[in-house]
Amino acid sequence: MTTWTAEELRRIDASDELEIAARRRDGTLRRHLPVWVVRHGDGLYVRAVNGRDSAWFRGAQARHEGHVRAGGVEKNVSFVDPDPDLADAIDAAYRAKYARYPGIVPRIVDEQARAAAIALVPAD
C-alpha cells in the first residue's frame, strides 16, 4: 500500500480545502469539489457535511477511487472507510484546524458527517 510522503501531508494539511473527484464506473472523473480535509498522524480524512446522502459521497462509494488536489499535490487515491476508533481524533483535528468557522464545525463533527467519513489513501 502506498503512503503519503511527509511533504505531501504537510502541504495538504496546510491547505484550507482539498478538491476531491470520485471516479465514475466508466473510469472517468467526476467534477472536483472542495471539501475540508484533516490530518491525523500519517492519514488524511474527509467527511461529507451533509452525510451519506451527499452527492459527492455517493459518487465516492461507486468505485472507492478518485483524485485529490490541494497545496500543489495531485494524487489518485482510494477511498477507504476509516478506523471507527479514530472518529474522536478526527473530530479534534476538525475542531483545531477549522476553529475560525464556529458556525460550520459542529456540522462536520456531528453523527451525520461522522457516518460519511473517508480516509484518503494514495493509489499511485
PDB file of N, CA and C in Angstrom:
ATOM      1  N   MET A   1       0.849  -1.176   0.000  1.00  0.00           N
ATOM      2  CA  MET A   1       0.000   0.000   0.000  1.00  0.00           C
ATOM      3  C   MET A   1       0.899   1.244   0.000  1.00  0.00           C
ATOM      4  N   THR A   2       0.576   2.195  -0.841  1.00  0.00           N
ATOM      5  CA  THR A   2       1.317   3.445  -0.925  1.00  0.00           C
ATOM      6  C   THR A   2       0.931   4.347   0.242  1.00  0.00           C
ATOM      7  N   THR A   3       1.889   5.140   0.709  1.00  0.00           N
ATOM      8  CA  THR A   3       1.617   6.066   1.793  1.00  0.00           C
ATOM      9  C   THR A   3       1.926   7.487   1.344  1.00  0.00           C
ATOM     10  N   TRP A   4       1.411   8.440   2.089  1.00  0.00           N
ATOM     11  CA  TRP A   4       1.699   9.844   1.830  1.00  0.00           C
ATOM     12  C   TRP A   4       3.129  10.147   2.259  1.00  0.00           C
ATOM     13  N   THR A   5       3.812  11.003   1.514  1.00  0.00           N
ATOM     14  CA  THR A   5       5.122  11.456   1.964  1.00  0.00           C
ATOM     15  C   THR A   5       4.913  12.537   3.021  1.00  0.00           C
ATOM     16  N   ALA A   6       5.939  12.807   3.801  1.00  0.00           N
ATOM     17  CA  ALA A   6       5.857  13.853   4.818  1.00  0.00           C
ATOM     18  C   ALA A   6       5.544  15.199   4.172  1.00  0.00           C
ATOM     19  N   GLU A   7       6.138  15.472   3.022  1.00  0.00           N
ATOM     20  CA  GLU A   7       5.899  16.745   2.328  1.00  0.00           C
ATOM     21  C   GLU A   7       4.456  16.834   1.817  1.00  0.00           C
ATOM     22  N   GLU A   8       3.927  15.754   1.262  1.00  0.00           N
ATOM     23  CA  GLU A   8       2.531  15.753   0.811  1.00  0.00           C
ATOM     24  C   GLU A   8       1.587  15.996   1.979  1.00  0.00           C
ATOM     25  N   LEU A   9       1.827  15.317   3.084  1.00  0.00           N
ATOM     26  CA  LEU A   9       0.987  15.509   4.269  1.00  0.00           C
ATOM     27  C   LEU A   9       1.045  16.956   4.751  1.00  0.00           C
ATOM     28  N   ARG A  10       2.235  17.522   4.801  1.00  0.00           N
ATOM     29  CA  ARG A  10       2.403  18.900   5.260  1.00  0.00           C
ATOM     30  C   ARG A  10       1.657  19.870   4.343  1.00  0.00           C
ATOM     31  N   ARG A  11       1.819  19.711   3.041  1.00  0.00           N
ATOM     32  CA  ARG A  11       1.207  20.638   2.084  1.00  0.00           C
ATOM     33  C   ARG A  11      -0.314  20.526   2.070  1.00  0.00           C
ATOM     34  N   ILE A  12      -0.821  19.314   2.115  1.00  0.00           N
ATOM     35  CA  ILE A  12      -2.284  19.141   2.118  1.00  0.00           C
ATOM     36  C   ILE A  12      -2.864  19.636   3.433  1.00  0.00           C
ATOM     37  N   ASP A  13      -2.215  19.313   4.533  1.00  0.00           N
ATOM     38  CA  ASP A  13      -2.706  19.750   5.836  1.00  0.00           C
ATOM     39  C   ASP A  13      -2.717  21.271   5.946  1.00  0.00           C
ATOM     40  N   ALA A  14      -1.776  21.933   5.306  1.00  0.00           N
ATOM     41  CA  ALA A  14      -1.704  23.397   5.352  1.00  0.00           C
ATOM     42  C   ALA A  14      -2.779  24.060   4.489  1.00  0.00           C
ATOM     43  N   SER A  15      -3.425  23.302   3.625  1.00  0.00           N
ATOM     44  CA  SER A  15      -4.469  23.835   2.744  1.00  0.00           C
ATOM     45  C   SER A  15      -5.799  23.894   3.482  1.00  0.00           C
ATOM     46  N   ASP A  16      -6.547  24.963   3.252  1.00  0.00           N
ATOM     47  CA  ASP A  16      -7.883  25.051   3.855  1.00  0.00           C
ATOM     48  C   ASP A  16      -8.831  24.029   3.256  1.00  0.00           C
ATOM     49  N   GLU A  17      -8.715  23.830   1.951  1.00  0.00           N
ATOM     50  CA  GLU A  17      -9.626  22.902   1.274  1.00  0.00           C
ATOM     51  C   GLU A  17      -8.842  21.945   0.396  1.00  0.00           C
ATOM     52  N   LEU A  18      -9.443  20.813   0.177  1.00  0.00           N
ATOM     53  CA  LEU A  18      -8.941  19.813  -0.748  1.00  0.00           C
ATOM     54  C   LEU A  18     -10.010  19.655  -1.816  1.00  0.00           C
ATOM     55  N   GLU A  19      -9.595  19.550  -3.063  1.00  0.00           N
ATOM     56  CA  GLU A  19     -10.553  19.284  -4.133  1.00  0.00           C
ATOM     57  C   GLU A  19     -10.575  17.783  -4.380  1.00  0.00           C
ATOM     58  N   ILE A  20     -11.776  17.236  -4.373  1.00  0.00           N
ATOM     59  CA  ILE A  20     -11.954  15.787  -4.480  1.00  0.00           C
ATOM     60  C   ILE A  20     -12.846  15.466  -5.665  1.00  0.00           C
ATOM     61  N   ALA A  21     -12.470  14.442  -6.418  1.00  0.00           N
ATOM     62  CA  ALA A  21     -13.273  13.981  -7.551  1.00  0.00           C
ATOM     63  C   ALA A  21     -13.345  12.464  -7.498  1.00  0.00           C
ATOM     64  N   ALA A  22     -14.543  11.942  -7.472  1.00  0.00           N
ATOM     65  CA  ALA A  22     -14.727  10.490  -7.476  1.00  0.00           C
ATOM     66  C   ALA A  22     -14.639   9.974  -8.903  1.00  0.00           C
ATOM     67  N   ARG A  23     -14.182   8.744  -9.028  1.00  0.00           N
ATOM     68  CA  ARG A  23     -14.124   8.100 -10.337  1.00  0.00           C
ATOM     69  C   ARG A  23     -15.456   7.405 -10.598  1.00  0.00           C
ATOM     70  N   ARG A  24     -15.997   7.656 -11.796  1.00  0.00           N
ATOM     71  CA  ARG A  24     -17.257   7.003 -12.191  1.00  0.00           C
ATOM     72  C   ARG A  24     -16.996   5.534 -12.520  1.00  0.00           C
ATOM     73  N   ARG A  25     -18.074   4.803 -12.662  1.00  0.00           N
ATOM     74  CA  ARG A  25     -17.961   3.382 -13.003  1.00  0.00           C
ATOM     75  C   ARG A  25     -17.225   3.168 -14.319  1.00  0.00           C
ATOM     76  N   ASP A  26     -17.327   4.143 -15.261  1.00  0.00           N
ATOM     77  CA  ASP A  26     -16.640   4.004 -16.551  1.00  0.00           C
ATOM     78  C   ASP A  26     -15.176   4.456 -16.487  1.00  0.00           C
ATOM     79  N   GLY A  27     -14.718   4.875 -15.304  1.00  0.00           N
ATOM     80  CA  GLY A  27     -13.323   5.251 -15.123  1.00  0.00           C
ATOM     81  C   GLY A  27     -13.031   6.731 -15.241  1.00  0.00           C
ATOM     82  N   THR A  28     -13.978   7.514 -15.740  1.00  0.00           N
ATOM     83  CA  THR A  28     -13.760   8.954 -15.840  1.00  0.00           C
ATOM     84  C   THR A  28     -13.983   9.611 -14.484  1.00  0.00           C
ATOM     85  N   LEU A  29     -13.403  10.785 -14.326  1.00  0.00           N
ATOM     86  CA  LEU A  29     -13.550  11.512 -13.059  1.00  0.00           C
ATOM     87  C   LEU A  29     -14.757  12.424 -13.080  1.00  0.00           C
ATOM     88  N   ARG A  30     -15.434  12.500 -11.971  1.00  0.00           N
ATOM     89  CA  ARG A  30     -16.470  13.497 -11.767  1.00  0.00           C
ATOM     90  C   ARG A  30     -15.781  14.845 -11.581  1.00  0.00           C
ATOM     91  N   ARG A  31     -16.538  15.886 -11.476  1.00  0.00           N
ATOM     92  CA  ARG A  31     -16.012  17.230 -11.259  1.00  0.00           C
ATOM     93  C   ARG A  31     -15.379  17.315  -9.869  1.00  0.00           C
ATOM     94  N   HIS A  32     -14.239  17.999  -9.771  1.00  0.00           N
ATOM     95  CA  HIS A  32     -13.607  18.220  -8.466  1.00  0.00           C
ATOM     96  C   HIS A  32     -14.465  19.185  -7.646  1.00  0.00           C
ATOM     97  N   LEU A  33     -14.658  18.844  -6.377  1.00  0.00           N
ATOM     98  CA  LEU A  33     -15.428  19.673  -5.454  1.00  0.00           C
ATOM     99  C   LEU A  33     -14.575  19.965  -4.219  1.00  0.00           C
ATOM    100  N   PRO A  34     -14.715  21.159  -3.646  1.00  0.00           N
ATOM    101  CA  PRO A  34     -13.935  21.472  -2.445  1.00  0.00           C
ATOM    102  C   PRO A  34     -14.551  20.843  -1.195  1.00  0.00           C
ATOM    103  N   VAL A  35     -13.689  20.267  -0.376  1.00  0.00           N
ATOM    104  CA  VAL A  35     -14.094  19.713   0.919  1.00  0.00           C
ATOM    105  C   VAL A  35     -13.015  20.070   1.937  1.00  0.00           C
ATOM    106  N   TRP A  36     -13.393  20.023   3.192  1.00  0.00           N
ATOM    107  CA  TRP A  36     -12.412  20.202   4.263  1.00  0.00           C
ATOM    108  C   TRP A  36     -11.669  18.895   4.479  1.00  0.00           C
ATOM    109  N   VAL A  37     -10.382  19.002   4.696  1.00  0.00           N
ATOM    110  CA  VAL A  37      -9.533  17.831   4.912  1.00  0.00           C
ATOM    111  C   VAL A  37      -8.745  18.028   6.200  1.00  0.00           C
ATOM    112  N   VAL A  38      -8.575  16.951   6.940  1.00  0.00           N
ATOM    113  CA  VAL A  38      -7.751  16.997   8.148  1.00  0.00           C
ATOM    114  C   VAL A  38      -6.746  15.859   8.125  1.00  0.00           C
ATOM    115  N   ARG A  39      -5.706  16.100   8.867  1.00  0.00           N
ATOM    116  CA  ARG A  39      -4.650  15.096   9.035  1.00  0.00           C
ATOM    117  C   ARG A  39      -4.689  14.586  10.467  1.00  0.00           C
ATOM    118  N   HIS A  40      -4.540  13.290  10.595  1.00  0.00           N
ATOM    119  CA  HIS A  40      -4.334  12.677  11.910  1.00  0.00           C
ATOM    120  C   HIS A  40      -3.199  11.684  11.723  1.00  0.00           C
ATOM    121  N   GLY A  41      -2.081  11.933  12.375  1.00  0.00           N
ATOM    122  CA  GLY A  41      -0.916  11.082  12.178  1.00  0.00           C
ATOM    123  C   GLY A  41      -0.478  11.143  10.727  1.00  0.00           C
ATOM    124  N   ASP A  42      -0.346   9.981  10.116  1.00  0.00           N
ATOM    125  CA  ASP A  42       0.056   9.911   8.708  1.00  0.00           C
ATOM    126  C   ASP A  42      -1.133   9.708   7.779  1.00  0.00           C
ATOM    127  N   GLY A  43      -2.345   9.994   8.274  1.00  0.00           N
ATOM    128  CA  GLY A  43      -3.543   9.808   7.467  1.00  0.00           C
ATOM    129  C   GLY A  43      -4.244  11.112   7.166  1.00  0.00           C
ATOM    130  N   LEU A  44      -4.970  11.125   6.051  1.00  0.00           N
ATOM    131  CA  LEU A  44      -5.798  12.263   5.652  1.00  0.00           C
ATOM    132  C   LEU A  44      -7.245  11.801   5.589  1.00  0.00           C
ATOM    133  N   TYR A  45      -8.138  12.673   6.082  1.00  0.00           N
ATOM    134  CA  TYR A  45      -9.544  12.301   6.216  1.00  0.00           C
ATOM    135  C   TYR A  45     -10.437  13.426   5.738  1.00  0.00           C
ATOM    136  N   VAL A  46     -11.538  13.045   5.109  1.00  0.00           N
ATOM    137  CA  VAL A  46     -12.571  13.993   4.713  1.00  0.00           C
ATOM    138  C   VAL A  46     -13.912  13.453   5.184  1.00  0.00           C
ATOM    139  N   ARG A  47     -14.859  14.362   5.335  1.00  0.00           N
ATOM    140  CA  ARG A  47     -16.229  13.989   5.697  1.00  0.00           C
ATOM    141  C   ARG A  47     -17.193  14.779   4.833  1.00  0.00           C
ATOM    142  N   ALA A  48     -18.337  14.186   4.568  1.00  0.00           N
ATOM    143  CA  ALA A  48     -19.408  14.878   3.860  1.00  0.00           C
ATOM    144  C   ALA A  48     -20.296  15.532   4.905  1.00  0.00           C
ATOM    145  N   VAL A  49     -20.283  16.849   4.944  1.00  0.00           N
ATOM    146  CA  VAL A  49     -21.046  17.575   5.962  1.00  0.00           C
ATOM    147  C   VAL A  49     -22.538  17.254   5.874  1.00  0.00           C
ATOM    148  N   ASN A  50     -23.019  16.914   4.696  1.00  0.00           N
ATOM    149  CA  ASN A  50     -24.434  16.583   4.526  1.00  0.00           C
ATOM    150  C   ASN A  50     -24.696  15.082   4.643  1.00  0.00           C
ATOM    151  N   GLY A  51     -23.706  14.336   5.097  1.00  0.00           N
ATOM    152  CA  GLY A  51     -23.901  12.923   5.365  1.00  0.00           C
ATOM    153  C   GLY A  51     -23.814  12.021   4.154  1.00  0.00           C
ATOM    154  N   ARG A  52     -24.231  10.794   4.345  1.00  0.00           N
ATOM    155  CA  ARG A  52     -24.106   9.752   3.324  1.00  0.00           C
ATOM    156  C   ARG A  52     -24.976  10.006   2.092  1.00  0.00           C
ATOM    157  N   ASP A  53     -25.957  10.919   2.205  1.00  0.00           N
ATOM    158  CA  ASP A  53     -26.791  11.247   1.052  1.00  0.00           C
ATOM    159  C   ASP A  53     -26.173  12.323   0.168  1.00  0.00           C
ATOM    160  N   SER A  54     -25.048  12.878   0.590  1.00  0.00           N
ATOM    161  CA  SER A  54     -24.352  13.892  -0.195  1.00  0.00           C
ATOM    162  C   SER A  54     -23.956  13.303  -1.546  1.00  0.00           C
ATOM    163  N   ALA A  55     -24.154  14.057  -2.614  1.00  0.00           N
ATOM    164  CA  ALA A  55     -23.879  13.559  -3.963  1.00  0.00           C
ATOM    165  C   ALA A  55     -22.425  13.125  -4.131  1.00  0.00           C
ATOM    166  N   TRP A  56     -21.484  13.928  -3.638  1.00  0.00           N
ATOM    167  CA  TRP A  56     -20.080  13.548  -3.841  1.00  0.00           C
ATOM    168  C   TRP A  56     -19.731  12.292  -3.048  1.00  0.00           C
ATOM    169  N   PHE A  57     -20.330  12.126  -1.868  1.00  0.00           N
ATOM    170  CA  PHE A  57     -20.060  10.932  -1.070  1.00  0.00           C
ATOM    171  C   PHE A  57     -20.614   9.689  -1.771  1.00  0.00           C
ATOM    172  N   ARG A  58     -21.824   9.779  -2.289  1.00  0.00           N
ATOM    173  CA  ARG A  58     -22.402   8.640  -3.025  1.00  0.00           C
ATOM    174  C   ARG A  58     -21.529   8.282  -4.221  1.00  0.00           C
ATOM    175  N   GLY A  59     -21.034   9.306  -4.909  1.00  0.00           N
ATOM    176  CA  GLY A  59     -20.138   9.060  -6.042  1.00  0.00           C
ATOM    177  C   GLY A  59     -18.862   8.349  -5.608  1.00  0.00           C
ATOM    178  N   ALA A  60     -18.346   8.732  -4.461  1.00  0.00           N
ATOM    179  CA  ALA A  60     -17.127   8.107  -3.955  1.00  0.00           C
ATOM    180  C   ALA A  60     -17.349   6.635  -3.621  1.00  0.00           C
ATOM    181  N   GLN A  61     -18.565   6.268  -3.288  1.00  0.00           N
ATOM    182  CA  GLN A  61     -18.874   4.887  -2.919  1.00  0.00           C
ATOM    183  C   GLN A  61     -19.032   3.974  -4.135  1.00  0.00           C
ATOM    184  N   ALA A  62     -19.177   4.545  -5.331  1.00  0.00           N
ATOM    185  CA  ALA A  62     -19.383   3.735  -6.533  1.00  0.00           C
ATOM    186  C   ALA A  62     -18.171   2.852  -6.842  1.00  0.00           C
ATOM    187  N   ARG A  63     -16.958   3.446  -6.792  1.00  0.00           N
ATOM    188  CA  ARG A  63     -15.745   2.680  -7.107  1.00  0.00           C
ATOM    189  C   ARG A  63     -14.684   2.790  -6.029  1.00  0.00           C
ATOM    190  N   HIS A  64     -14.894   3.641  -5.071  1.00  0.00           N
ATOM    191  CA  HIS A  64     -13.914   3.866  -4.000  1.00  0.00           C
ATOM    192  C   HIS A  64     -12.573   4.322  -4.553  1.00  0.00           C
ATOM    193  N   GLU A  65     -12.632   5.041  -5.683  1.00  0.00           N
ATOM    194  CA  GLU A  65     -11.422   5.571  -6.307  1.00  0.00           C
ATOM    195  C   GLU A  65     -11.687   6.994  -6.746  1.00  0.00           C
ATOM    196  N   GLY A  66     -10.620   7.787  -6.780  1.00  0.00           N
ATOM    197  CA  GLY A  66     -10.779   9.146  -7.248  1.00  0.00           C
ATOM    198  C   GLY A  66      -9.459   9.873  -7.340  1.00  0.00           C
ATOM    199  N   HIS A  67      -9.562  11.189  -7.295  1.00  0.00           N
ATOM    200  CA  HIS A  67      -8.404  12.062  -7.443  1.00  0.00           C
ATOM    201  C   HIS A  67      -8.573  13.222  -6.484  1.00  0.00           C
ATOM    202  N   VAL A  68      -7.465  13.658  -5.886  1.00  0.00           N
ATOM    203  CA  VAL A  68      -7.494  14.818  -4.999  1.00  0.00           C
ATOM    204  C   VAL A  68      -6.384  15.774  -5.388  1.00  0.00           C
ATOM    205  N   ARG A  69      -6.612  17.040  -5.030  1.00  0.00           N
ATOM    206  CA  ARG A  69      -5.568  18.043  -5.219  1.00  0.00           C
ATOM    207  C   ARG A  69      -5.705  19.112  -4.141  1.00  0.00           C
ATOM    208  N   ALA A  70      -4.553  19.482  -3.599  1.00  0.00           N
ATOM    209  CA  ALA A  70      -4.501  20.518  -2.561  1.00  0.00           C
ATOM    210  C   ALA A  70      -3.038  20.872  -2.321  1.00  0.00           C
ATOM    211  N   GLY A  71      -2.771  22.142  -2.100  1.00  0.00           N
ATOM    212  CA  GLY A  71      -1.421  22.567  -1.757  1.00  0.00           C
ATOM    213  C   GLY A  71      -0.374  22.209  -2.791  1.00  0.00           C
ATOM    214  N   GLY A  72      -0.780  22.124  -4.057  1.00  0.00           N
ATOM    215  CA  GLY A  72       0.151  21.751  -5.108  1.00  0.00           C
ATOM    216  C   GLY A  72       0.372  20.258  -5.259  1.00  0.00           C
ATOM    217  N   VAL A  73      -0.327  19.462  -4.467  1.00  0.00           N
ATOM    218  CA  VAL A  73      -0.240  18.000  -4.544  1.00  0.00           C
ATOM    219  C   VAL A  73      -1.441  17.493  -5.323  1.00  0.00           C
ATOM    220  N   GLU A  74      -1.200  16.617  -6.288  1.00  0.00           N
ATOM    221  CA  GLU A  74      -2.280  15.946  -7.015  1.00  0.00           C
ATOM    222  C   GLU A  74      -2.020  14.452  -6.956  1.00  0.00           C
ATOM    223  N   LYS A  75      -3.048  13.696  -6.565  1.00  0.00           N
ATOM    224  CA  LYS A  75      -2.883  12.249  -6.398  1.00  0.00           C
ATOM    225  C   LYS A  75      -4.146  11.506  -6.765  1.00  0.00           C
ATOM    226  N   ASN A  76      -3.972  10.348  -7.370  1.00  0.00           N
ATOM    227  CA  ASN A  76      -5.055   9.388  -7.448  1.00  0.00           C
ATOM    228  C   ASN A  76      -5.117   8.714  -6.085  1.00  0.00           C
ATOM    229  N   VAL A  77      -6.329   8.484  -5.609  1.00  0.00           N
ATOM    230  CA  VAL A  77      -6.495   7.925  -4.272  1.00  0.00           C
ATOM    231  C   VAL A  77      -7.543   6.825  -4.261  1.00  0.00           C
ATOM    232  N   SER A  78      -7.455   6.022  -3.217  1.00  0.00           N
ATOM    233  CA  SER A  78      -8.517   5.083  -2.885  1.00  0.00           C
ATOM    234  C   SER A  78      -9.286   5.698  -1.727  1.00  0.00           C
ATOM    235  N   PHE A  79     -10.600   5.519  -1.740  1.00  0.00           N
ATOM    236  CA  PHE A  79     -11.452   5.974  -0.645  1.00  0.00           C
ATOM    237  C   PHE A  79     -11.709   4.773   0.261  1.00  0.00           C
ATOM    238  N   VAL A  80     -11.257   4.876   1.494  1.00  0.00           N
ATOM    239  CA  VAL A  80     -11.299   3.760   2.435  1.00  0.00           C
ATOM    240  C   VAL A  80     -12.089   4.184   3.670  1.00  0.00           C
ATOM    241  N   ASP A  81     -12.851   3.260   4.224  1.00  0.00           N
ATOM    242  CA  ASP A  81     -13.532   3.542   5.493  1.00  0.00           C
ATOM    243  C   ASP A  81     -12.480   3.698   6.584  1.00  0.00           C
ATOM    244  N   PRO A  82     -12.514   4.802   7.316  1.00  0.00           N
ATOM    245  CA  PRO A  82     -11.530   4.967   8.387  1.00  0.00           C
ATOM    246  C   PRO A  82     -11.845   4.072   9.578  1.00  0.00           C
ATOM    247  N   ASP A  83     -10.832   3.820  10.357  1.00  0.00           N
ATOM    248  CA  ASP A  83     -10.994   3.065  11.600  1.00  0.00           C
ATOM    249  C   ASP A  83     -11.986   3.824  12.480  1.00  0.00           C
ATOM    250  N   PRO A  84     -13.094   3.218  12.889  1.00  0.00           N
ATOM    251  CA  PRO A  84     -14.081   3.917  13.710  1.00  0.00           C
ATOM    252  C   PRO A  84     -13.512   4.423  15.030  1.00  0.00           C
ATOM    253  N   ASP A  85     -12.447   3.805  15.515  1.00  0.00           N
ATOM    254  CA  ASP A  85     -11.822   4.247  16.762  1.00  0.00           C
ATOM    255  C   ASP A  85     -11.138   5.609  16.613  1.00  0.00           C
ATOM    256  N   LEU A  86     -10.963   6.075  15.375  1.00  0.00           N
ATOM    257  CA  LEU A  86     -10.329   7.370  15.130  1.00  0.00           C
ATOM    258  C   LEU A  86     -11.325   8.527  15.070  1.00  0.00           C
ATOM    259  N   ALA A  87     -12.608   8.245  15.166  1.00  0.00           N
ATOM    260  CA  ALA A  87     -13.629   9.291  14.980  1.00  0.00           C
ATOM    261  C   ALA A  87     -13.431  10.482  15.916  1.00  0.00           C
ATOM    262  N   ASP A  88     -13.149  10.225  17.188  1.00  0.00           N
ATOM    263  CA  ASP A  88     -12.953  11.333  18.130  1.00  0.00           C
ATOM    264  C   ASP A  88     -11.700  12.133  17.795  1.00  0.00           C
ATOM    265  N   ALA A  89     -10.634  11.457  17.377  1.00  0.00           N
ATOM    266  CA  ALA A  89      -9.403  12.146  16.996  1.00  0.00           C
ATOM    267  C   ALA A  89      -9.615  12.984  15.738  1.00  0.00           C
ATOM    268  N   ILE A  90     -10.407  12.465  14.810  1.00  0.00           N
ATOM    269  CA  ILE A  90     -10.707  13.224  13.596  1.00  0.00           C
ATOM    270  C   ILE A  90     -11.569  14.433  13.945  1.00  0.00           C
ATOM    271  N   ASP A  91     -12.535  14.266  14.855  1.00  0.00           N
ATOM    272  CA  ASP A  91     -13.308  15.407  15.354  1.00  0.00           C
ATOM    273  C   ASP A  91     -12.365  16.484  15.897  1.00  0.00           C
ATOM    274  N   ALA A  92     -11.420  16.074  16.722  1.00  0.00           N
ATOM    275  CA  ALA A  92     -10.485  17.026  17.332  1.00  0.00           C
ATOM    276  C   ALA A  92      -9.659  17.745  16.258  1.00  0.00           C
ATOM    277  N   ALA A  93      -9.261  17.010  15.230  1.00  0.00           N
ATOM    278  CA  ALA A  93      -8.496  17.624  14.144  1.00  0.00           C
ATOM    279  C   ALA A  93      -9.338  18.665  13.407  1.00  0.00           C
ATOM    280  N   TYR A  94     -10.613  18.360  13.168  1.00  0.00           N
ATOM    281  CA  TYR A  94     -11.502  19.341  12.526  1.00  0.00           C
ATOM    282  C   TYR A  94     -11.686  20.569  13.411  1.00  0.00           C
ATOM    283  N   ARG A  95     -11.912  20.352  14.690  1.00  0.00           N
ATOM    284  CA  ARG A  95     -12.109  21.481  15.610  1.00  0.00           C
ATOM    285  C   ARG A  95     -10.878  22.381  15.659  1.00  0.00           C
ATOM    286  N   ALA A  96      -9.700  21.777  15.687  1.00  0.00           N
ATOM    287  CA  ALA A  96      -8.465  22.557  15.766  1.00  0.00           C
ATOM    288  C   ALA A  96      -8.191  23.307  14.456  1.00  0.00           C
ATOM    289  N   LYS A  97      -8.302  22.628  13.344  1.00  0.00           N
ATOM    290  CA  LYS A  97      -7.945  23.237  12.060  1.00  0.00           C
ATOM    291  C   LYS A  97      -8.935  24.306  11.627  1.00  0.00           C
ATOM    292  N   TYR A  98     -10.219  24.079  11.882  1.00  0.00           N
ATOM    293  CA  TYR A  98     -11.255  24.974  11.362  1.00  0.00           C
ATOM    294  C   TYR A  98     -11.970  25.757  12.458  1.00  0.00           C
ATOM    295  N   ALA A  99     -11.307  25.990  13.568  1.00  0.00           N
ATOM    296  CA  ALA A  99     -11.911  26.698  14.710  1.00  0.00           C
ATOM    297  C   ALA A  99     -12.441  28.078  14.329  1.00  0.00           C
ATOM    298  N   ARG A 100     -11.870  28.673  13.303  1.00  0.00           N
ATOM    299  CA  ARG A 100     -12.323  30.010  12.897  1.00  0.00           C
ATOM    300  C   ARG A 100     -13.683  29.996  12.200  1.00  0.00           C
ATOM    301  N   TYR A 101     -14.266  28.804  12.019  1.00  0.00           N
ATOM    302  CA  TYR A 101     -15.593  28.658  11.421  1.00  0.00           C
ATOM    303  C   TYR A 101     -16.545  28.035  12.443  1.00  0.00           C
ATOM    304  N   PRO A 102     -16.845  28.744  13.534  1.00  0.00           N
ATOM    305  CA  PRO A 102     -17.638  28.140  14.612  1.00  0.00           C
ATOM    306  C   PRO A 102     -19.065  27.783  14.210  1.00  0.00           C
ATOM    307  N   GLY A 103     -19.561  28.353  13.136  1.00  0.00           N
ATOM    308  CA  GLY A 103     -20.910  28.014  12.689  1.00  0.00           C
ATOM    309  C   GLY A 103     -20.980  26.723  11.892  1.00  0.00           C
ATOM    310  N   ILE A 104     -19.837  26.286  11.348  1.00  0.00           N
ATOM    311  CA  ILE A 104     -19.827  25.103  10.483  1.00  0.00           C
ATOM    312  C   ILE A 104     -19.244  23.880  11.189  1.00  0.00           C
ATOM    313  N   VAL A 105     -18.256  24.091  12.032  1.00  0.00           N
ATOM    314  CA  VAL A 105     -17.573  22.960  12.677  1.00  0.00           C
ATOM    315  C   VAL A 105     -18.533  21.989  13.360  1.00  0.00           C
ATOM    316  N   PRO A 106     -19.551  22.459  14.080  1.00  0.00           N
ATOM    317  CA  PRO A 106     -20.451  21.476  14.712  1.00  0.00           C
ATOM    318  C   PRO A 106     -21.096  20.512  13.715  1.00  0.00           C
ATOM    319  N   ARG A 107     -21.299  20.950  12.493  1.00  0.00           N
ATOM    320  CA  ARG A 107     -21.903  20.064  11.489  1.00  0.00           C
ATOM    321  C   ARG A 107     -20.933  19.004  10.983  1.00  0.00           C
ATOM    322  N   ILE A 108     -19.637  19.328  10.931  1.00  0.00           N
ATOM    323  CA  ILE A 108     -18.662  18.363  10.414  1.00  0.00           C
ATOM    324  C   ILE A 108     -18.248  17.343  11.472  1.00  0.00           C
ATOM    325  N   VAL A 109     -18.646  17.601  12.722  1.00  0.00           N
ATOM    326  CA  VAL A 109     -18.343  16.634  13.785  1.00  0.00           C
ATOM    327  C   VAL A 109     -19.606  15.975  14.335  1.00  0.00           C
ATOM    328  N   ASP A 110     -20.747  16.202  13.682  1.00  0.00           N
ATOM    329  CA  ASP A 110     -21.978  15.561  14.163  1.00  0.00           C
ATOM    330  C   ASP A 110     -22.072  14.132  13.624  1.00  0.00           C
ATOM    331  N   GLU A 111     -23.052  13.396  14.108  1.00  0.00           N
ATOM    332  CA  GLU A 111     -23.187  11.976  13.747  1.00  0.00           C
ATOM    333  C   GLU A 111     -23.391  11.765  12.245  1.00  0.00           C
ATOM    334  N   GLN A 112     -24.119  12.664  11.610  1.00  0.00           N
ATOM    335  CA  GLN A 112     -24.375  12.535  10.168  1.00  0.00           C
ATOM    336  C   GLN A 112     -23.072  12.610   9.383  1.00  0.00           C
ATOM    337  N   ALA A 113     -22.233  13.587   9.682  1.00  0.00           N
ATOM    338  CA  ALA A 113     -20.946  13.722   8.979  1.00  0.00           C
ATOM    339  C   ALA A 113     -19.982  12.620   9.385  1.00  0.00           C
ATOM    340  N   ARG A 114     -19.969  12.239  10.654  1.00  0.00           N
ATOM    341  CA  ARG A 114     -19.079  11.163  11.091  1.00  0.00           C
ATOM    342  C   ARG A 114     -19.386   9.862  10.356  1.00  0.00           C
ATOM    343  N   ALA A 115     -20.653   9.645  10.012  1.00  0.00           N
ATOM    344  CA  ALA A 115     -21.052   8.440   9.278  1.00  0.00           C
ATOM    345  C   ALA A 115     -20.628   8.503   7.813  1.00  0.00           C
ATOM    346  N   ALA A 116     -20.198   9.677   7.354  1.00  0.00           N
ATOM    347  CA  ALA A 116     -19.795   9.860   5.965  1.00  0.00           C
ATOM    348  C   ALA A 116     -18.327  10.277   5.896  1.00  0.00           C
ATOM    349  N   ALA A 117     -17.501   9.523   6.611  1.00  0.00           N
ATOM    350  CA  ALA A 117     -16.066   9.804   6.662  1.00  0.00           C
ATOM    351  C   ALA A 117     -15.321   8.905   5.681  1.00  0.00           C
ATOM    352  N   ILE A 118     -14.255   9.459   5.129  1.00  0.00           N
ATOM    353  CA  ILE A 118     -13.419   8.719   4.191  1.00  0.00           C
ATOM    354  C   ILE A 118     -11.954   8.966   4.528  1.00  0.00           C
ATOM    355  N   ALA A 119     -11.176   7.910   4.551  1.00  0.00           N
ATOM    356  CA  ALA A 119      -9.724   8.020   4.625  1.00  0.00           C
ATOM    357  C   ALA A 119      -9.204   8.038   3.191  1.00  0.00           C
ATOM    358  N   LEU A 120      -8.278   8.942   2.910  1.00  0.00           N
ATOM    359  CA  LEU A 120      -7.695   9.061   1.578  1.00  0.00           C
ATOM    360  C   LEU A 120      -6.369   8.318   1.575  1.00  0.00           C
ATOM    361  N   VAL A 121      -6.249   7.318   0.702  1.00  0.00           N
ATOM    362  CA  VAL A 121      -5.034   6.513   0.611  1.00  0.00           C
ATOM    363  C   VAL A 121      -4.474   6.664  -0.800  1.00  0.00           C
ATOM    364  N   PRO A 122      -3.201   7.094  -0.926  1.00  0.00           N
ATOM    365  CA  PRO A 122      -2.624   7.261  -2.258  1.00  0.00           C
ATOM    366  C   PRO A 122      -2.686   5.960  -3.063  1.00  0.00           C
ATOM    367  N   ALA A 123      -3.047   6.088  -4.327  1.00  0.00           N
ATOM    368  CA  ALA A 123      -3.155   4.912  -5.189  1.00  0.00           C
ATOM    369  C   ALA A 123      -1.985   4.809  -6.174  1.00  0.00           C
ATOM    370  N   ASP A 124      -1.182   5.859  -6.262  1.00  0.00           N
ATOM    371  CA  ASP A 124      -0.054   5.862  -7.215  1.00  0.00           C
ATOM    372  C   ASP A 124       1.102   5.041  -6.699  1.00  0.00           C
TER     373      ASP A 124
END
